Amino acid sequence: MNKLFHFLNKTFHLIAVKSRSLFFLNLNYKQDMKSENKKQSSIYVITLFGILLTTFLIYSCNTDEYNCTNETTTEVNSIAKTRSLVSQTWNTGNVLIDSVANSDEFYEFERCSEQLADKFGAYTSKLNNEEYDKLMESLNDDEYMEDFIKKANLEEVLRQMDEAKKGLLEHTVFLRLSEEERLLLFRQYAKSRELAKRKILKTRKEGNGNSKCEELRQAAYEQAKTEYDNAIATNCKGMGPLSPCYLKESAVYNANKEIADRKYEDCINNR
C-alpha cells in the first residue's frame, strides 16, 4: 500500500512538473509572438510613414516646379534649346564667327555667364536699398568684395565662369575676332536666347509677347546681354576667378535689365 501511494505521489509530481513546464513554454511562446508582432507593427508604421512622406514630396514637386527643378539641369537644358535654335538660324557668313558660335566652349561660356548673372541677381534682390547701395559703392573694394563673395556663396560660380572664359579664349579663334565681330557674335546669340525663352515661357501680361512694349523690352534685354558677355570675355582677363571684375559686369547687366523692366511697365501703363 505504501509502495502504491509512493508510486502515485511520484506520478502526480511528474505530471505537475510537466504541466508547469508546458505552461511556461506556452507563456514564452506567447511573449515571443507578442514581441514579433510589435516588431512587425513597427515595420508597418515605418513603411507607411515612408510611403506618405514620398507621396507628399512627389506632390510638392508637381505643384512647385521652380523649387523642385535642379538648377544645373535647367541651365543646361535651356542652353541646349538655344543652341538648337541657333543651329537652325545661324549663318553670318563669317567663318571665324561661325567657328566660335559652333564650339562647345562658347556654349559653356554662355551657360556660366548666365549662371553668374542669375545667382548674383537672386542674392542682390534680397538686399534692402541701403545694402544694395553699399554694394555698388564697394565694387572696387577688394576686402569688401571678398567678404561679399563668401556671403553670397559665389566662389564656385566664379571659378566656373573663369574656367569657361579661359576655354573660350584658349580653344577657339575668339581672340582673332575684331571688336565688331565679337559684338555680332554675342548679339546673334542674345537674339536667339531671348527667342528661345519666349518659346519656353509665354509673357504673362501680353500673351504671346508680340506687342510693341514687349518688343522694346526684348531689344533692351538683347543689348544688355550682348554688352555683358562681351565685357566678361574682354574686360576680365588674367584677374583670377575671385576678381570683382565679374561681379561689376554682373551688376551692370542686372541694372540694365531692371531699367528695361521699368520702361516696360511704363509702356504698358501708357506712362
C-alpha atoms as a PDB file:
ATOM      1  CA  MET A   1       0.000   0.000   0.000  1.00  0.00           C
ATOM      2  CA  ASN A   2       2.813   2.343   0.868  1.00  0.00           C
ATOM      3  CA  LYS A   3       4.531   1.415  -2.387  1.00  0.00           C
ATOM      4  CA  LEU A   4       1.338   2.209  -4.322  1.00  0.00           C
ATOM      5  CA  PHE A   5       0.978   5.530  -2.545  1.00  0.00           C
ATOM      6  CA  HIS A   6       4.612   6.348  -3.240  1.00  0.00           C
ATOM      7  CA  PHE A   7       4.176   5.441  -6.935  1.00  0.00           C
ATOM      8  CA  LEU A   8       1.063   7.589  -7.306  1.00  0.00           C
ATOM      9  CA  ASN A   9       2.673  10.509  -5.484  1.00  0.00           C
ATOM     10  CA  LYS A  10       5.716  10.359  -7.784  1.00  0.00           C
ATOM     11  CA  THR A  11       3.493  10.162 -10.854  1.00  0.00           C
ATOM     12  CA  PHE A  12       1.446  13.199  -9.810  1.00  0.00           C
ATOM     13  CA  HIS A  13       4.676  15.086  -9.155  1.00  0.00           C
ATOM     14  CA  LEU A  14       5.996  14.322 -12.643  1.00  0.00           C
ATOM     15  CA  ILE A  15       2.680  15.351 -14.171  1.00  0.00           C
ATOM     16  CA  ALA A  16       2.781  18.640 -12.234  1.00  0.00           C
ATOM     17  CA  VAL A  17       6.344  19.331 -13.356  1.00  0.00           C
ATOM     18  CA  LYS A  18       5.460  18.585 -16.982  1.00  0.00           C
ATOM     19  CA  SER A  19       2.371  20.767 -16.789  1.00  0.00           C
ATOM     20  CA  ARG A  20       4.343  23.641 -15.284  1.00  0.00           C
ATOM     21  CA  SER A  21       6.982  23.286 -17.995  1.00  0.00           C
ATOM     22  CA  LEU A  22       4.364  23.301 -20.707  1.00  0.00           C
ATOM     23  CA  PHE A  23       2.737  26.349 -19.124  1.00  0.00           C
ATOM     24  CA  PHE A  24       5.984  28.308 -19.142  1.00  0.00           C
ATOM     25  CA  LEU A  25       6.785  27.172 -22.684  1.00  0.00           C
ATOM     26  CA  ASN A  26       3.385  28.362 -23.802  1.00  0.00           C
ATOM     27  CA  LEU A  27       3.840  31.642 -21.912  1.00  0.00           C
ATOM     28  CA  ASN A  28       7.281  32.203 -23.517  1.00  0.00           C
ATOM     29  CA  TYR A  29       5.827  31.407 -26.913  1.00  0.00           C
ATOM     30  CA  LYS A  30       3.076  33.984 -26.419  1.00  0.00           C
ATOM     31  CA  GLN A  31       5.612  36.553 -25.267  1.00  0.00           C
ATOM     32  CA  ASP A  32       7.786  35.836 -28.312  1.00  0.00           C
ATOM     33  CA  MET A  33       4.751  36.180 -30.551  1.00  0.00           C
ATOM     34  CA  LYS A  34       3.856  39.494 -28.918  1.00  0.00           C
ATOM     35  CA  SER A  35       7.412  40.706 -29.391  1.00  0.00           C
ATOM     36  CA  GLU A  36       7.385  39.608 -33.022  1.00  0.00           C
ATOM     37  CA  ASN A  37       4.043  41.290 -33.585  1.00  0.00           C
ATOM     38  CA  LYS A  38       5.406  44.506 -32.076  1.00  0.00           C
ATOM     39  CA  LYS A  39       8.394  44.345 -34.428  1.00  0.00           C
ATOM     40  CA  GLN A  40       6.138  43.767 -37.430  1.00  0.00           C
ATOM     41  CA  SER A  41       3.858  46.601 -36.328  1.00  0.00           C
ATOM     42  CA  SER A  42       6.860  48.925 -36.054  1.00  0.00           C
ATOM     43  CA  ILE A  43       7.980  47.918 -39.558  1.00  0.00           C
ATOM     44  CA  TYR A  44       4.484  48.571 -40.923  1.00  0.00           C
ATOM     45  CA  VAL A  45       4.350  52.005 -39.253  1.00  0.00           C
ATOM     46  CA  ILE A  46       7.787  52.986 -40.617  1.00  0.00           C
ATOM     47  CA  THR A  47       6.875  51.738 -44.100  1.00  0.00           C
ATOM     48  CA  LEU A  48       3.571  53.617 -44.055  1.00  0.00           C
ATOM     49  CA  PHE A  49       5.345  56.785 -42.906  1.00  0.00           C
ATOM     50  CA  GLY A  50       7.879  56.413 -45.730  1.00  0.00           C
ATOM     51  CA  ILE A  51       5.117  55.998 -48.303  1.00  0.00           C
ATOM     52  CA  LEU A  52       3.266  59.064 -47.018  1.00  0.00           C
ATOM     53  CA  LEU A  53       6.449  61.142 -46.983  1.00  0.00           C
ATOM     54  CA  THR A  54       7.342  60.083 -50.538  1.00  0.00           C
ATOM     55  CA  THR A  55       3.819  60.879 -51.732  1.00  0.00           C
ATOM     56  CA  PHE A  56       3.997  64.310 -50.104  1.00  0.00           C
ATOM     57  CA  LEU A  57       7.353  65.095 -51.739  1.00  0.00           C
ATOM     58  CA  ILE A  58       6.143  63.975 -55.167  1.00  0.00           C
ATOM     59  CA  TYR A  59       3.011  66.075 -54.789  1.00  0.00           C
ATOM     60  CA  SER A  60       5.067  69.071 -53.669  1.00  0.00           C
ATOM     61  CA  CYS A  61       7.342  68.768 -56.695  1.00  0.00           C
ATOM     62  CA  ASN A  62       4.400  68.515 -59.037  1.00  0.00           C
ATOM     63  CA  THR A  63       2.840  71.664 -57.599  1.00  0.00           C
ATOM     64  CA  ASP A  64       6.018  73.743 -57.346  1.00  0.00           C
ATOM     65  CA  GLU A  65       8.202  73.215 -60.400  1.00  0.00           C
ATOM     66  CA  TYR A  66      10.587  76.023 -59.502  1.00  0.00           C
ATOM     67  CA  ASN A  67      11.532  74.619 -56.095  1.00  0.00           C
ATOM     68  CA  CYS A  68      11.997  71.053 -57.281  1.00  0.00           C
ATOM     69  CA  THR A  69      13.847  71.623 -60.532  1.00  0.00           C
ATOM     70  CA  ASN A  70      17.573  71.038 -60.448  1.00  0.00           C
ATOM     71  CA  GLU A  71      19.161  74.383 -61.373  1.00  0.00           C
ATOM     72  CA  THR A  72      22.100  72.961 -63.221  1.00  0.00           C
ATOM     73  CA  THR A  73      19.909  70.663 -65.303  1.00  0.00           C
ATOM     74  CA  THR A  74      17.599  73.560 -66.096  1.00  0.00           C
ATOM     75  CA  GLU A  75      20.514  75.748 -67.211  1.00  0.00           C
ATOM     76  CA  VAL A  76      21.972  73.020 -69.421  1.00  0.00           C
ATOM     77  CA  ASN A  77      18.590  72.241 -70.997  1.00  0.00           C
ATOM     78  CA  SER A  78      17.904  75.933 -71.563  1.00  0.00           C
ATOM     79  CA  ILE A  79      21.271  76.442 -73.259  1.00  0.00           C
ATOM     80  CA  ALA A  80      20.680  73.296 -75.332  1.00  0.00           C
ATOM     81  CA  LYS A  81      17.379  74.709 -76.602  1.00  0.00           C
ATOM     82  CA  THR A  82      19.137  77.937 -77.568  1.00  0.00           C
ATOM     83  CA  ARG A  83      21.911  76.016 -79.308  1.00  0.00           C
ATOM     84  CA  SER A  84      19.378  74.014 -81.257  1.00  0.00           C
ATOM     85  CA  LEU A  85      17.629  77.207 -82.332  1.00  0.00           C
ATOM     86  CA  VAL A  86      20.919  78.881 -83.249  1.00  0.00           C
ATOM     87  CA  SER A  87      21.939  75.913 -85.401  1.00  0.00           C
ATOM     88  CA  GLN A  88      18.758  76.414 -87.431  1.00  0.00           C
ATOM     89  CA  THR A  89      19.153  80.157 -87.961  1.00  0.00           C
ATOM     90  CA  TRP A  90      22.838  80.994 -87.547  1.00  0.00           C
ATOM     91  CA  ASN A  91      24.611  81.999 -90.727  1.00  0.00           C
ATOM     92  CA  THR A  92      26.617  85.201 -90.500  1.00  0.00           C
ATOM     93  CA  GLY A  93      28.749  84.330 -93.484  1.00  0.00           C
ATOM     94  CA  ASN A  94      31.823  84.979 -91.338  1.00  0.00           C
ATOM     95  CA  VAL A  95      33.948  81.837 -90.973  1.00  0.00           C
ATOM     96  CA  LEU A  96      35.596  82.942 -87.720  1.00  0.00           C
ATOM     97  CA  ILE A  97      32.348  83.961 -86.032  1.00  0.00           C
ATOM     98  CA  ASP A  98      30.581  80.778 -87.118  1.00  0.00           C
ATOM     99  CA  SER A  99      33.511  78.688 -85.894  1.00  0.00           C
ATOM    100  CA  VAL A 100      33.272  80.169 -82.394  1.00  0.00           C
ATOM    101  CA  ALA A 101      29.470  80.001 -82.383  1.00  0.00           C
ATOM    102  CA  ASN A 102      29.521  76.273 -83.135  1.00  0.00           C
ATOM    103  CA  SER A 103      32.047  75.377 -80.437  1.00  0.00           C
ATOM    104  CA  ASP A 104      31.292  73.672 -77.118  1.00  0.00           C
ATOM    105  CA  GLU A 105      33.467  76.254 -75.368  1.00  0.00           C
ATOM    106  CA  PHE A 106      31.200  79.090 -76.496  1.00  0.00           C
ATOM    107  CA  TYR A 107      28.079  77.460 -75.070  1.00  0.00           C
ATOM    108  CA  GLU A 108      29.844  76.602 -71.827  1.00  0.00           C
ATOM    109  CA  PHE A 109      30.859  80.260 -71.588  1.00  0.00           C
ATOM    110  CA  GLU A 110      27.245  81.303 -72.118  1.00  0.00           C
ATOM    111  CA  ARG A 111      25.970  78.828 -69.534  1.00  0.00           C
ATOM    112  CA  CYS A 112      28.384  80.136 -66.921  1.00  0.00           C
ATOM    113  CA  SER A 113      27.767  83.800 -67.682  1.00  0.00           C
ATOM    114  CA  GLU A 114      24.021  83.320 -67.286  1.00  0.00           C
ATOM    115  CA  GLN A 115      24.507  81.277 -64.147  1.00  0.00           C
ATOM    116  CA  LEU A 116      26.628  84.051 -62.628  1.00  0.00           C
ATOM    117  CA  ALA A 117      24.128  86.751 -63.526  1.00  0.00           C
ATOM    118  CA  ASP A 118      21.232  84.712 -62.138  1.00  0.00           C
ATOM    119  CA  LYS A 119      22.995  83.917 -58.844  1.00  0.00           C
ATOM    120  CA  PHE A 120      24.153  87.498 -58.413  1.00  0.00           C
ATOM    121  CA  GLY A 121      20.697  88.857 -59.206  1.00  0.00           C
ATOM    122  CA  ALA A 122      18.967  86.387 -56.862  1.00  0.00           C
ATOM    123  CA  TYR A 123      21.190  87.409 -53.953  1.00  0.00           C
ATOM    124  CA  THR A 124      21.074  91.173 -54.511  1.00  0.00           C
ATOM    125  CA  SER A 125      17.271  91.085 -54.881  1.00  0.00           C
ATOM    126  CA  LYS A 126      17.093  90.230 -51.178  1.00  0.00           C
ATOM    127  CA  LEU A 127      19.143  93.264 -50.128  1.00  0.00           C
ATOM    128  CA  ASN A 128      17.458  96.426 -48.921  1.00  0.00           C
ATOM    129  CA  ASN A 129      18.211  99.743 -50.632  1.00  0.00           C
ATOM    130  CA  GLU A 130      20.929 100.679 -48.176  1.00  0.00           C
ATOM    131  CA  GLU A 131      22.704  97.318 -48.518  1.00  0.00           C
ATOM    132  CA  TYR A 132      22.454  97.406 -52.301  1.00  0.00           C
ATOM    133  CA  ASP A 133      23.840 100.945 -52.492  1.00  0.00           C
ATOM    134  CA  LYS A 134      26.703  99.913 -50.226  1.00  0.00           C
ATOM    135  CA  LEU A 135      27.499  97.027 -52.553  1.00  0.00           C
ATOM    136  CA  MET A 136      27.504  99.268 -55.616  1.00  0.00           C
ATOM    137  CA  GLU A 137      29.810 101.726 -53.846  1.00  0.00           C
ATOM    138  CA  SER A 138      32.202  98.944 -52.808  1.00  0.00           C
ATOM    139  CA  LEU A 139      32.710  97.132 -56.116  1.00  0.00           C
ATOM    140  CA  ASN A 140      36.325  98.360 -56.167  1.00  0.00           C
ATOM    141  CA  ASP A 141      36.934  97.448 -52.522  1.00  0.00           C
ATOM    142  CA  ASP A 142      38.717  94.080 -52.676  1.00  0.00           C
ATOM    143  CA  GLU A 143      38.238  93.291 -48.987  1.00  0.00           C
ATOM    144  CA  TYR A 144      34.530  94.108 -49.075  1.00  0.00           C
ATOM    145  CA  MET A 145      34.013  92.110 -52.269  1.00  0.00           C
ATOM    146  CA  GLU A 146      35.884  89.112 -50.900  1.00  0.00           C
ATOM    147  CA  ASP A 147      33.512  89.072 -47.950  1.00  0.00           C
ATOM    148  CA  PHE A 148      30.513  89.566 -50.258  1.00  0.00           C
ATOM    149  CA  ILE A 149      31.530  86.615 -52.461  1.00  0.00           C
ATOM    150  CA  LYS A 150      31.603  84.353 -49.402  1.00  0.00           C
ATOM    151  CA  LYS A 151      28.272  85.605 -48.070  1.00  0.00           C
ATOM    152  CA  ALA A 152      26.606  85.190 -51.460  1.00  0.00           C
ATOM    153  CA  ASN A 153      28.208  81.753 -51.903  1.00  0.00           C
ATOM    154  CA  LEU A 154      29.568  82.700 -55.329  1.00  0.00           C
ATOM    155  CA  GLU A 155      33.034  81.106 -55.156  1.00  0.00           C
ATOM    156  CA  GLU A 156      32.217  78.036 -57.257  1.00  0.00           C
ATOM    157  CA  VAL A 157      30.111  80.020 -59.734  1.00  0.00           C
ATOM    158  CA  LEU A 158      33.001  82.439 -60.275  1.00  0.00           C
ATOM    159  CA  ARG A 159      35.500  79.604 -60.718  1.00  0.00           C
ATOM    160  CA  GLN A 160      33.291  78.018 -63.344  1.00  0.00           C
ATOM    161  CA  MET A 161      32.976  81.366 -65.094  1.00  0.00           C
ATOM    162  CA  ASP A 162      36.732  81.855 -65.114  1.00  0.00           C
ATOM    163  CA  GLU A 163      37.391  78.349 -66.453  1.00  0.00           C
ATOM    164  CA  ALA A 164      34.763  78.752 -69.165  1.00  0.00           C
ATOM    165  CA  LYS A 165      36.258  82.076 -70.241  1.00  0.00           C
ATOM    166  CA  LYS A 166      39.719  80.507 -70.436  1.00  0.00           C
ATOM    167  CA  GLY A 167      38.314  77.691 -72.553  1.00  0.00           C
ATOM    168  CA  LEU A 168      36.738  80.187 -74.939  1.00  0.00           C
ATOM    169  CA  LEU A 169      39.952  82.203 -75.293  1.00  0.00           C
ATOM    170  CA  GLU A 170      42.368  79.278 -75.489  1.00  0.00           C
ATOM    171  CA  HIS A 171      40.480  76.665 -77.512  1.00  0.00           C
ATOM    172  CA  THR A 172      38.622  78.726 -80.113  1.00  0.00           C
ATOM    173  CA  VAL A 173      39.522  81.512 -82.556  1.00  0.00           C
ATOM    174  CA  PHE A 174      37.727  84.062 -80.357  1.00  0.00           C
ATOM    175  CA  LEU A 175      40.869  86.190 -79.898  1.00  0.00           C
ATOM    176  CA  ARG A 176      41.112  86.598 -83.664  1.00  0.00           C
ATOM    177  CA  LEU A 177      37.735  88.361 -83.780  1.00  0.00           C
ATOM    178  CA  SER A 178      37.592  92.120 -84.044  1.00  0.00           C
ATOM    179  CA  GLU A 179      35.503  94.184 -81.639  1.00  0.00           C
ATOM    180  CA  GLU A 180      32.758  94.438 -84.232  1.00  0.00           C
ATOM    181  CA  GLU A 181      32.823  90.682 -84.834  1.00  0.00           C
ATOM    182  CA  ARG A 182      32.669  89.906 -81.108  1.00  0.00           C
ATOM    183  CA  LEU A 183      29.634  92.135 -80.692  1.00  0.00           C
ATOM    184  CA  LEU A 184      27.968  90.478 -83.687  1.00  0.00           C
ATOM    185  CA  LEU A 185      28.670  87.047 -82.185  1.00  0.00           C
ATOM    186  CA  PHE A 186      27.158  87.923 -78.809  1.00  0.00           C
ATOM    187  CA  ARG A 187      24.269  89.891 -80.313  1.00  0.00           C
ATOM    188  CA  GLN A 188      23.273  86.990 -82.526  1.00  0.00           C
ATOM    189  CA  TYR A 189      23.349  84.659 -79.559  1.00  0.00           C
ATOM    190  CA  ALA A 190      21.351  87.091 -77.393  1.00  0.00           C
ATOM    191  CA  LYS A 191      18.611  87.308 -80.021  1.00  0.00           C
ATOM    192  CA  SER A 192      18.374  83.531 -80.261  1.00  0.00           C
ATOM    193  CA  ARG A 193      18.424  83.259 -76.470  1.00  0.00           C
ATOM    194  CA  GLU A 194      15.517  85.642 -75.978  1.00  0.00           C
ATOM    195  CA  LEU A 195      13.567  83.912 -78.738  1.00  0.00           C
ATOM    196  CA  ALA A 196      14.133  80.538 -77.065  1.00  0.00           C
ATOM    197  CA  LYS A 197      12.965  81.940 -73.716  1.00  0.00           C
ATOM    198  CA  ARG A 198       9.797  83.273 -75.277  1.00  0.00           C
ATOM    199  CA  LYS A 199       9.064  79.865 -76.717  1.00  0.00           C
ATOM    200  CA  ILE A 200       9.524  78.246 -73.306  1.00  0.00           C
ATOM    201  CA  LEU A 201       7.784  80.838 -71.117  1.00  0.00           C
ATOM    202  CA  LYS A 202       4.995  82.931 -72.582  1.00  0.00           C
ATOM    203  CA  THR A 203       4.734  86.561 -71.484  1.00  0.00           C
ATOM    204  CA  ARG A 204       2.135  86.626 -68.717  1.00  0.00           C
ATOM    205  CA  LYS A 205       0.712  90.101 -69.245  1.00  0.00           C
ATOM    206  CA  GLU A 206       0.619  90.156 -73.007  1.00  0.00           C
ATOM    207  CA  GLY A 207       0.105  86.550 -74.045  1.00  0.00           C
ATOM    208  CA  ASN A 208       2.390  85.874 -76.990  1.00  0.00           C
ATOM    209  CA  GLY A 209       4.868  88.697 -76.304  1.00  0.00           C
ATOM    210  CA  ASN A 210       4.458  90.352 -79.735  1.00  0.00           C
ATOM    211  CA  SER A 211       3.271  93.753 -78.526  1.00  0.00           C
ATOM    212  CA  LYS A 212       5.309  96.895 -79.035  1.00  0.00           C
ATOM    213  CA  CYS A 213       6.120  97.151 -75.312  1.00  0.00           C
ATOM    214  CA  GLU A 214       7.382  93.598 -75.177  1.00  0.00           C
ATOM    215  CA  GLU A 215       9.439  94.030 -78.337  1.00  0.00           C
ATOM    216  CA  LEU A 216      11.124  97.078 -76.832  1.00  0.00           C
ATOM    217  CA  ARG A 217      11.922  95.186 -73.655  1.00  0.00           C
ATOM    218  CA  GLN A 218      13.310  92.206 -75.577  1.00  0.00           C
ATOM    219  CA  ALA A 219      15.520  94.534 -77.609  1.00  0.00           C
ATOM    220  CA  ALA A 220      16.827  96.082 -74.376  1.00  0.00           C
ATOM    221  CA  TYR A 221      17.465  92.626 -72.911  1.00  0.00           C
ATOM    222  CA  GLU A 222      19.389  91.615 -76.027  1.00  0.00           C
ATOM    223  CA  GLN A 223      21.553  94.727 -75.884  1.00  0.00           C
ATOM    224  CA  ALA A 224      22.244  94.224 -72.168  1.00  0.00           C
ATOM    225  CA  LYS A 225      23.163  90.581 -72.728  1.00  0.00           C
ATOM    226  CA  THR A 226      25.436  91.457 -75.653  1.00  0.00           C
ATOM    227  CA  GLU A 227      27.334  94.074 -73.658  1.00  0.00           C
ATOM    228  CA  TYR A 228      27.552  91.804 -70.603  1.00  0.00           C
ATOM    229  CA  ASP A 229      29.030  88.832 -72.476  1.00  0.00           C
ATOM    230  CA  ASN A 230      31.482  90.994 -74.352  1.00  0.00           C
ATOM    231  CA  ALA A 231      32.617  92.684 -71.124  1.00  0.00           C
ATOM    232  CA  ILE A 232      33.057  89.348 -69.313  1.00  0.00           C
ATOM    233  CA  ALA A 233      35.126  87.965 -72.188  1.00  0.00           C
ATOM    234  CA  THR A 234      37.315  91.020 -72.791  1.00  0.00           C
ATOM    235  CA  ASN A 235      37.475  93.108 -69.594  1.00  0.00           C
ATOM    236  CA  CYS A 236      38.215  90.400 -67.026  1.00  0.00           C
ATOM    237  CA  LYS A 237      41.392  88.855 -68.460  1.00  0.00           C
ATOM    238  CA  GLY A 238      44.023  87.397 -66.157  1.00  0.00           C
ATOM    239  CA  MET A 239      42.447  88.668 -62.946  1.00  0.00           C
ATOM    240  CA  GLY A 240      41.676  85.331 -61.302  1.00  0.00           C
ATOM    241  CA  PRO A 241      38.316  83.705 -60.604  1.00  0.00           C
ATOM    242  CA  LEU A 242      37.511  85.751 -57.498  1.00  0.00           C
ATOM    243  CA  SER A 243      38.214  89.105 -59.089  1.00  0.00           C
ATOM    244  CA  PRO A 244      35.480  91.739 -58.543  1.00  0.00           C
ATOM    245  CA  CYS A 245      35.546  92.333 -62.312  1.00  0.00           C
ATOM    246  CA  TYR A 246      32.999  89.579 -62.964  1.00  0.00           C
ATOM    247  CA  LEU A 247      30.671  90.962 -60.317  1.00  0.00           C
ATOM    248  CA  LYS A 248      30.972  94.504 -61.643  1.00  0.00           C
ATOM    249  CA  GLU A 249      29.807  93.358 -65.059  1.00  0.00           C
ATOM    250  CA  SER A 250      27.023  91.294 -63.472  1.00  0.00           C
ATOM    251  CA  ALA A 251      25.893  94.377 -61.543  1.00  0.00           C
ATOM    252  CA  VAL A 252      25.782  96.466 -64.724  1.00  0.00           C
ATOM    253  CA  TYR A 253      23.888  93.718 -66.561  1.00  0.00           C
ATOM    254  CA  ASN A 254      21.263  93.372 -63.845  1.00  0.00           C
ATOM    255  CA  ALA A 255      20.876  97.138 -63.599  1.00  0.00           C
ATOM    256  CA  ASN A 256      20.260  97.361 -67.363  1.00  0.00           C
ATOM    257  CA  LYS A 257      17.628  94.630 -67.169  1.00  0.00           C
ATOM    258  CA  GLU A 258      15.899  96.432 -64.306  1.00  0.00           C
ATOM    259  CA  ILE A 259      15.820  99.622 -66.367  1.00  0.00           C
ATOM    260  CA  ALA A 260      14.278  97.647 -69.240  1.00  0.00           C
ATOM    261  CA  ASP A 261      11.629  96.232 -66.888  1.00  0.00           C
ATOM    262  CA  ARG A 262      10.720  99.696 -65.553  1.00  0.00           C
ATOM    263  CA  LYS A 263      10.392 101.073 -69.075  1.00  0.00           C
ATOM    264  CA  TYR A 264       8.223  98.092 -69.973  1.00  0.00           C
ATOM    265  CA  GLU A 265       5.873  98.763 -67.050  1.00  0.00           C
ATOM    266  CA  ASP A 266       5.663 102.427 -68.032  1.00  0.00           C
ATOM    267  CA  CYS A 267       4.911 101.391 -71.607  1.00  0.00           C
ATOM    268  CA  ILE A 268       2.058  99.001 -70.827  1.00  0.00           C
ATOM    269  CA  ASN A 269       0.592 101.529 -68.385  1.00  0.00           C
ATOM    270  CA  ASN A 270       0.832 104.287 -71.008  1.00  0.00           C
ATOM    271  CA  ARG A 271       3.058 106.437 -68.842  1.00  0.00           C
END
